[in-house]
Every structure is written in structure tokens, then in C-alpha cells.
Amino acid sequence: MLKNLKREKPWAKLRMTRRAYEAARPWAKSGMDRQQFENIMLAIPDEAIDAIKLEADAERLVDAMFGQAGE
């Protein structure tokens, strides 16, 4: 039980609150069950998650500034 308490939480790796994580339900959007999604998330290095998040944030910013591609 102590091992589970010390284990990093998947929402922390995604830089989200637990409430936002559960509302977003990223495991459902990926087509996996929650446990499978969380195991994969915890296996991904923090640097990779940071790079993916930075790229997604940049894409959202460009879309907000110039509109969606193909419009």
C-alpha cells in the first residue's frame, strides 16, 4: 500500500489537477482502459511529456493567432 502512495500520479505527469484529469478522461479518448493508460503514462520519461506538451501548446497558440489550418 505504501508503494502506491509514493508512486507518481499520472495527472501530475501531465501537469494537470486530479479533477481536470478525471474530467478530461484521456484514457477514454485514447481507446484504452484507465489502468492501461496510466501504466503507459508512468513509463514515459518526463522530458518526452514536456516536449509533447510544449508542441501541443505551440500548435494551439498558432491556431488561435492564425486560425485552423485549411480554413
PDB file of N, CA and C in Angstrom:
ATOM      1  N   MET A   1       0.819  -1.185   0.000  1.00  0.00           N
ATOM      2  CA  MET A   1       0.000   0.000   0.000  1.00  0.00           C
ATOM      3  C   MET A   1       0.868   1.256   0.000  1.00  0.00           C
ATOM      4  N   LEU A   2       1.942   1.260   0.745  1.00  0.00           N
ATOM      5  CA  LEU A   2       2.839   2.404   0.791  1.00  0.00           C
ATOM      6  C   LEU A   2       3.455   2.667  -0.581  1.00  0.00           C
ATOM      7  N   LYS A   3       3.713   1.588  -1.325  1.00  0.00           N
ATOM      8  CA  LYS A   3       4.275   1.724  -2.669  1.00  0.00           C
ATOM      9  C   LYS A   3       3.330   2.526  -3.567  1.00  0.00           C
ATOM     10  N   ASN A   4       2.032   2.285  -3.469  1.00  0.00           N
ATOM     11  CA  ASN A   4       1.054   3.009  -4.284  1.00  0.00           C
ATOM     12  C   ASN A   4       0.968   4.480  -3.896  1.00  0.00           C
ATOM     13  N   LEU A   5       1.189   4.795  -2.623  1.00  0.00           N
ATOM     14  CA  LEU A   5       1.135   6.187  -2.190  1.00  0.00           C
ATOM     15  C   LEU A   5       2.329   6.980  -2.706  1.00  0.00           C
ATOM     16  N   LYS A   6       3.489   6.340  -2.799  1.00  0.00           N
ATOM     17  CA  LYS A   6       4.694   7.019  -3.253  1.00  0.00           C
ATOM     18  C   LYS A   6       4.788   7.084  -4.774  1.00  0.00           C
ATOM     19  N   ARG A   7       4.028   6.259  -5.473  1.00  0.00           N
ATOM     20  CA  ARG A   7       4.068   6.230  -6.931  1.00  0.00           C
ATOM     21  C   ARG A   7       3.584   7.559  -7.503  1.00  0.00           C
ATOM     22  N   GLU A   8       4.268   8.046  -8.532  1.00  0.00           N
ATOM     23  CA  GLU A   8       3.879   9.311  -9.150  1.00  0.00           C
ATOM     24  C   GLU A   8       2.490   9.167  -9.774  1.00  0.00           C
ATOM     25  N   LYS A   9       1.700  10.180  -9.627  1.00  0.00           N
ATOM     26  CA  LYS A   9       0.337  10.167 -10.132  1.00  0.00           C
ATOM     27  C   LYS A   9       0.336  10.566 -11.603  1.00  0.00           C
ATOM     28  N   PRO A  10      -0.493   9.924 -12.430  1.00  0.00           N
ATOM     29  CA  PRO A  10      -0.499  10.233 -13.866  1.00  0.00           C
ATOM     30  C   PRO A  10      -0.912  11.671 -14.163  1.00  0.00           C
ATOM     31  N   TRP A  11      -1.799  12.235 -13.366  1.00  0.00           N
ATOM     32  CA  TRP A  11      -2.208  13.624 -13.619  1.00  0.00           C
ATOM     33  C   TRP A  11      -1.068  14.589 -13.312  1.00  0.00           C
ATOM     34  N   ALA A  12      -0.202  14.224 -12.379  1.00  0.00           N
ATOM     35  CA  ALA A  12       0.958  15.059 -12.081  1.00  0.00           C
ATOM     36  C   ALA A  12       1.949  15.031 -13.247  1.00  0.00           C
ATOM     37  N   LYS A  13       2.113  13.871 -13.865  1.00  0.00           N
ATOM     38  CA  LYS A  13       2.998  13.777 -15.030  1.00  0.00           C
ATOM     39  C   LYS A  13       2.468  14.612 -16.183  1.00  0.00           C
ATOM     40  N   LEU A  14       1.152  14.730 -16.291  1.00  0.00           N
ATOM     41  CA  LEU A  14       0.547  15.517 -17.369  1.00  0.00           C
ATOM     42  C   LEU A  14       0.387  16.983 -16.991  1.00  0.00           C
ATOM     43  N   ARG A  15       0.875  17.355 -15.807  1.00  0.00           N
ATOM     44  CA  ARG A  15       0.781  18.733 -15.310  1.00  0.00           C
ATOM     45  C   ARG A  15      -0.667  19.195 -15.248  1.00  0.00           C
ATOM     46  N   MET A  16      -1.533  18.353 -14.668  1.00  0.00           N
ATOM     47  CA  MET A  16      -2.954  18.640 -14.510  1.00  0.00           C
ATOM     48  C   MET A  16      -3.345  18.393 -13.059  1.00  0.00           C
ATOM     49  N   THR A  17      -4.479  18.943 -12.668  1.00  0.00           N
ATOM     50  CA  THR A  17      -5.038  18.587 -11.368  1.00  0.00           C
ATOM     51  C   THR A  17      -5.763  17.259 -11.519  1.00  0.00           C
ATOM     52  N   ARG A  18      -5.982  16.588 -10.414  1.00  0.00           N
ATOM     53  CA  ARG A  18      -6.711  15.322 -10.465  1.00  0.00           C
ATOM     54  C   ARG A  18      -8.110  15.531 -11.028  1.00  0.00           C
ATOM     55  N   ARG A  19      -8.741  16.612 -10.617  1.00  0.00           N
ATOM     56  CA  ARG A  19     -10.101  16.902 -11.085  1.00  0.00           C
ATOM     57  C   ARG A  19     -10.131  17.135 -12.604  1.00  0.00           C
ATOM     58  N   ALA A  20      -9.159  17.888 -13.123  1.00  0.00           N
ATOM     59  CA  ALA A  20      -9.087  18.139 -14.566  1.00  0.00           C
ATOM     60  C   ALA A  20      -8.786  16.843 -15.322  1.00  0.00           C
ATOM     61  N   TYR A  21      -7.928  16.009 -14.752  1.00  0.00           N
ATOM     62  CA  TYR A  21      -7.578  14.725 -15.369  1.00  0.00           C
ATOM     63  C   TYR A  21      -8.800  13.827 -15.480  1.00  0.00           C
ATOM     64  N   GLU A  22      -9.550  13.730 -14.409  1.00  0.00           N
ATOM     65  CA  GLU A  22     -10.734  12.873 -14.430  1.00  0.00           C
ATOM     66  C   GLU A  22     -11.825  13.443 -15.332  1.00  0.00           C
ATOM     67  N   ALA A  23     -11.920  14.754 -15.445  1.00  0.00           N
ATOM     68  CA  ALA A  23     -12.913  15.363 -16.334  1.00  0.00           C
ATOM     69  C   ALA A  23     -12.522  15.173 -17.799  1.00  0.00           C
ATOM     70  N   ALA A  24     -11.224  15.247 -18.095  1.00  0.00           N
ATOM     71  CA  ALA A  24     -10.753  15.110 -19.473  1.00  0.00           C
ATOM     72  C   ALA A  24     -10.822  13.658 -19.962  1.00  0.00           C
ATOM     73  N   ARG A  25     -10.684  12.711 -19.046  1.00  0.00           N
ATOM     74  CA  ARG A  25     -10.732  11.284 -19.361  1.00  0.00           C
ATOM     75  C   ARG A  25      -9.837  10.918 -20.554  1.00  0.00           C
ATOM     76  N   PRO A  26      -8.529  11.203 -20.462  1.00  0.00           N
ATOM     77  CA  PRO A  26      -7.647  10.938 -21.607  1.00  0.00           C
ATOM     78  C   PRO A  26      -7.551   9.458 -21.976  1.00  0.00           C
ATOM     79  N   TRP A  27      -7.787   8.576 -21.039  1.00  0.00           N
ATOM     80  CA  TRP A  27      -7.743   7.140 -21.334  1.00  0.00           C
ATOM     81  C   TRP A  27      -8.891   6.753 -22.264  1.00  0.00           C
ATOM     82  N   ALA A  28     -10.047   7.375 -22.117  1.00  0.00           N
ATOM     83  CA  ALA A  28     -11.186   7.058 -22.982  1.00  0.00           C
ATOM     84  C   ALA A  28     -10.935   7.572 -24.397  1.00  0.00           C
ATOM     85  N   LYS A  29     -10.323   8.741 -24.508  1.00  0.00           N
ATOM     86  CA  LYS A  29     -10.028   9.312 -25.824  1.00  0.00           C
ATOM     87  C   LYS A  29      -8.962   8.512 -26.558  1.00  0.00           C
ATOM     88  N   SER A  30      -8.121   7.821 -25.810  1.00  0.00           N
ATOM     89  CA  SER A  30      -7.075   7.015 -26.435  1.00  0.00           C
ATOM     90  C   SER A  30      -7.539   5.593 -26.733  1.00  0.00           C
ATOM     91  N   GLY A  31      -8.739   5.248 -26.290  1.00  0.00           N
ATOM     92  CA  GLY A  31      -9.276   3.911 -26.560  1.00  0.00           C
ATOM     93  C   GLY A  31      -8.732   2.833 -25.644  1.00  0.00           C
ATOM     94  N   MET A  32      -8.192   3.234 -24.501  1.00  0.00           N
ATOM     95  CA  MET A  32      -7.647   2.265 -23.542  1.00  0.00           C
ATOM     96  C   MET A  32      -8.445   2.332 -22.251  1.00  0.00           C
ATOM     97  N   ASP A  33      -8.290   1.288 -21.441  1.00  0.00           N
ATOM     98  CA  ASP A  33      -8.882   1.409 -20.113  1.00  0.00           C
ATOM     99  C   ASP A  33      -7.949   2.255 -19.253  1.00  0.00           C
ATOM    100  N   ARG A  34      -8.461   2.738 -18.142  1.00  0.00           N
ATOM    101  CA  ARG A  34      -7.724   3.706 -17.323  1.00  0.00           C
ATOM    102  C   ARG A  34      -6.407   3.138 -16.812  1.00  0.00           C
ATOM    103  N   GLN A  35      -6.405   1.912 -16.328  1.00  0.00           N
ATOM    104  CA  GLN A  35      -5.188   1.320 -15.763  1.00  0.00           C
ATOM    105  C   GLN A  35      -4.108   1.177 -16.829  1.00  0.00           C
ATOM    106  N   GLN A  36      -4.486   0.727 -18.005  1.00  0.00           N
ATOM    107  CA  GLN A  36      -3.522   0.568 -19.096  1.00  0.00           C
ATOM    108  C   GLN A  36      -2.930   1.934 -19.489  1.00  0.00           C
ATOM    109  N   PHE A  37      -3.772   2.941 -19.618  1.00  0.00           N
ATOM    110  CA  PHE A  37      -3.312   4.282 -19.967  1.00  0.00           C
ATOM    111  C   PHE A  37      -2.342   4.811 -18.909  1.00  0.00           C
ATOM    112  N   GLU A  38      -2.687   4.658 -17.642  1.00  0.00           N
ATOM    113  CA  GLU A  38      -1.841   5.170 -16.565  1.00  0.00           C
ATOM    114  C   GLU A  38      -0.503   4.447 -16.506  1.00  0.00           C
ATOM    115  N   ASN A  39      -0.486   3.150 -16.758  1.00  0.00           N
ATOM    116  CA  ASN A  39       0.782   2.419 -16.770  1.00  0.00           C
ATOM    117  C   ASN A  39       1.694   2.918 -17.880  1.00  0.00           C
ATOM    118  N   ILE A  40       1.121   3.201 -19.055  1.00  0.00           N
ATOM    119  CA  ILE A  40       1.915   3.721 -20.162  1.00  0.00           C
ATOM    120  C   ILE A  40       2.417   5.126 -19.837  1.00  0.00           C
ATOM    121  N   MET A  41       1.551   5.967 -19.290  1.00  0.00           N
ATOM    122  CA  MET A  41       1.945   7.335 -18.955  1.00  0.00           C
ATOM    123  C   MET A  41       3.097   7.351 -17.957  1.00  0.00           C
ATOM    124  N   LEU A  42       3.049   6.472 -16.988  1.00  0.00           N
ATOM    125  CA  LEU A  42       4.094   6.444 -15.964  1.00  0.00           C
ATOM    126  C   LEU A  42       5.417   5.900 -16.505  1.00  0.00           C
ATOM    127  N   ALA A  43       5.369   5.186 -17.638  1.00  0.00           N
ATOM    128  CA  ALA A  43       6.589   4.643 -18.236  1.00  0.00           C
ATOM    129  C   ALA A  43       7.281   5.662 -19.148  1.00  0.00           C
ATOM    130  N   ILE A  44       6.564   6.688 -19.576  1.00  0.00           N
ATOM    131  CA  ILE A  44       7.128   7.701 -20.475  1.00  0.00           C
ATOM    132  C   ILE A  44       7.977   8.680 -19.657  1.00  0.00           C
ATOM    133  N   PRO A  45       9.181   8.979 -20.129  1.00  0.00           N
ATOM    134  CA  PRO A  45      10.044   9.923 -19.391  1.00  0.00           C
ATOM    135  C   PRO A  45       9.434  11.331 -19.343  1.00  0.00           C
ATOM    136  N   ASP A  46       9.717  12.047 -18.270  1.00  0.00           N
ATOM    137  CA  ASP A  46       9.202  13.404 -18.103  1.00  0.00           C
ATOM    138  C   ASP A  46       9.617  14.323 -19.247  1.00  0.00           C
ATOM    139  N   GLU A  47      10.826  14.157 -19.752  1.00  0.00           N
ATOM    140  CA  GLU A  47      11.313  15.010 -20.836  1.00  0.00           C
ATOM    141  C   GLU A  47      10.465  14.838 -22.092  1.00  0.00           C
ATOM    142  N   ALA A  48      10.032  13.614 -22.380  1.00  0.00           N
ATOM    143  CA  ALA A  48       9.187  13.362 -23.551  1.00  0.00           C
ATOM    144  C   ALA A  48       7.815  14.008 -23.370  1.00  0.00           C
ATOM    145  N   ILE A  49       7.262  13.913 -22.187  1.00  0.00           N
ATOM    146  CA  ILE A  49       5.962  14.530 -21.907  1.00  0.00           C
ATOM    147  C   ILE A  49       6.068  16.045 -22.024  1.00  0.00           C
ATOM    148  N   ASP A  50       7.158  16.610 -21.510  1.00  0.00           N
ATOM    149  CA  ASP A  50       7.371  18.056 -21.612  1.00  0.00           C
ATOM    150  C   ASP A  50       7.447  18.495 -23.074  1.00  0.00           C
ATOM    151  N   ALA A  51       8.161  17.739 -23.902  1.00  0.00           N
ATOM    152  CA  ALA A  51       8.307  18.087 -25.316  1.00  0.00           C
ATOM    153  C   ALA A  51       6.965  18.006 -26.042  1.00  0.00           C
ATOM    154  N   ILE A  52       6.198  16.970 -25.767  1.00  0.00           N
ATOM    155  CA  ILE A  52       4.882  16.808 -26.402  1.00  0.00           C
ATOM    156  C   ILE A  52       3.945  17.925 -25.967  1.00  0.00           C
ATOM    157  N   LYS A  53       3.959  18.238 -24.677  1.00  0.00           N
ATOM    158  CA  LYS A  53       3.095  19.310 -24.163  1.00  0.00           C
ATOM    159  C   LYS A  53       3.479  20.657 -24.760  1.00  0.00           C
ATOM    160  N   LEU A  54       4.780  20.936 -24.871  1.00  0.00           N
ATOM    161  CA  LEU A  54       5.238  22.191 -25.459  1.00  0.00           C
ATOM    162  C   LEU A  54       4.796  22.309 -26.913  1.00  0.00           C
ATOM    163  N   GLU A  55       4.907  21.231 -27.671  1.00  0.00           N
ATOM    164  CA  GLU A  55       4.493  21.242 -29.076  1.00  0.00           C
ATOM    165  C   GLU A  55       2.982  21.446 -29.207  1.00  0.00           C
ATOM    166  N   ALA A  56       2.199  20.777 -28.365  1.00  0.00           N
ATOM    167  CA  ALA A  56       0.745  20.941 -28.400  1.00  0.00           C
ATOM    168  C   ALA A  56       0.340  22.360 -28.026  1.00  0.00           C
ATOM    169  N   ASP A  57       1.006  22.934 -27.026  1.00  0.00           N
ATOM    170  CA  ASP A  57       0.725  24.318 -26.635  1.00  0.00           C
ATOM    171  C   ASP A  57       1.051  25.280 -27.774  1.00  0.00           C
ATOM    172  N   ALA A  58       2.171  25.037 -28.466  1.00  0.00           N
ATOM    173  CA  ALA A  58       2.558  25.889 -29.588  1.00  0.00           C
ATOM    174  C   ALA A  58       1.543  25.792 -30.723  1.00  0.00           C
ATOM    175  N   GLU A  59       1.057  24.594 -31.011  1.00  0.00           N
ATOM    176  CA  GLU A  59       0.043  24.411 -32.061  1.00  0.00           C
ATOM    177  C   GLU A  59      -1.247  25.150 -31.707  1.00  0.00           C
ATOM    178  N   ARG A  60      -1.664  25.067 -30.446  1.00  0.00           N
ATOM    179  CA  ARG A  60      -2.873  25.785 -30.021  1.00  0.00           C
ATOM    180  C   ARG A  60      -2.690  27.289 -30.145  1.00  0.00           C
ATOM    181  N   LEU A  61      -1.512  27.784 -29.810  1.00  0.00           N
ATOM    182  CA  LEU A  61      -1.230  29.207 -29.917  1.00  0.00           C
ATOM    183  C   LEU A  61      -1.261  29.667 -31.379  1.00  0.00           C
ATOM    184  N   VAL A  62      -0.630  28.915 -32.259  1.00  0.00           N
ATOM    185  CA  VAL A  62      -0.635  29.261 -33.684  1.00  0.00           C
ATOM    186  C   VAL A  62      -2.057  29.229 -34.223  1.00  0.00           C
ATOM    187  N   ASP A  63      -2.843  28.218 -33.856  1.00  0.00           N
ATOM    188  CA  ASP A  63      -4.233  28.143 -34.293  1.00  0.00           C
ATOM    189  C   ASP A  63      -5.045  29.332 -33.797  1.00  0.00           C
ATOM    190  N   ALA A  64      -4.780  29.759 -32.558  1.00  0.00           N
ATOM    191  CA  ALA A  64      -5.503  30.896 -32.005  1.00  0.00           C
ATOM    192  C   ALA A  64      -5.110  32.192 -32.716  1.00  0.00           C
ATOM    193  N   MET A  65      -3.857  32.292 -33.112  1.00  0.00           N
ATOM    194  CA  MET A  65      -3.394  33.517 -33.755  1.00  0.00           C
ATOM    195  C   MET A  65      -3.792  33.592 -35.225  1.00  0.00           C
ATOM    196  N   PHE A  66      -3.709  32.481 -35.931  1.00  0.00           N
ATOM    197  CA  PHE A  66      -3.891  32.489 -37.376  1.00  0.00           C
ATOM    198  C   PHE A  66      -5.084  31.664 -37.853  1.00  0.00           C
ATOM    199  N   GLY A  67      -5.797  31.035 -36.955  1.00  0.00           N
ATOM    200  CA  GLY A  67      -6.921  30.189 -37.335  1.00  0.00           C
ATOM    201  C   GLY A  67      -6.458  28.784 -37.650  1.00  0.00           C
ATOM    202  N   GLN A  68      -7.407  27.875 -37.733  1.00  0.00           N
ATOM    203  CA  GLN A  68      -7.119  26.479 -38.018  1.00  0.00           C
ATOM    204  C   GLN A  68      -6.566  26.335 -39.435  1.00  0.00           C
ATOM    205  N   ALA A  69      -5.679  25.373 -39.652  1.00  0.00           N
ATOM    206  CA  ALA A  69      -5.147  25.103 -40.990  1.00  0.00           C
ATOM    207  C   ALA A  69      -6.276  24.606 -41.886  1.00  0.00           C
ATOM    208  N   GLY A  70      -6.308  25.069 -43.103  1.00  0.00           N
ATOM    209  CA  GLY A  70      -7.340  24.634 -44.050  1.00  0.00           C
ATOM    210  C   GLY A  70      -8.592  25.474 -44.015  1.00  0.00           C
ATOM    211  N   GLU A  71      -8.623  26.520 -43.211  1.00  0.00           N
ATOM    212  CA  GLU A  71      -9.831  27.379 -43.165  1.00  0.00           C
ATOM    213  C   GLU A  71      -9.726  28.467 -44.179  1.00  0.00           C
TER     214      GLU A  71
END
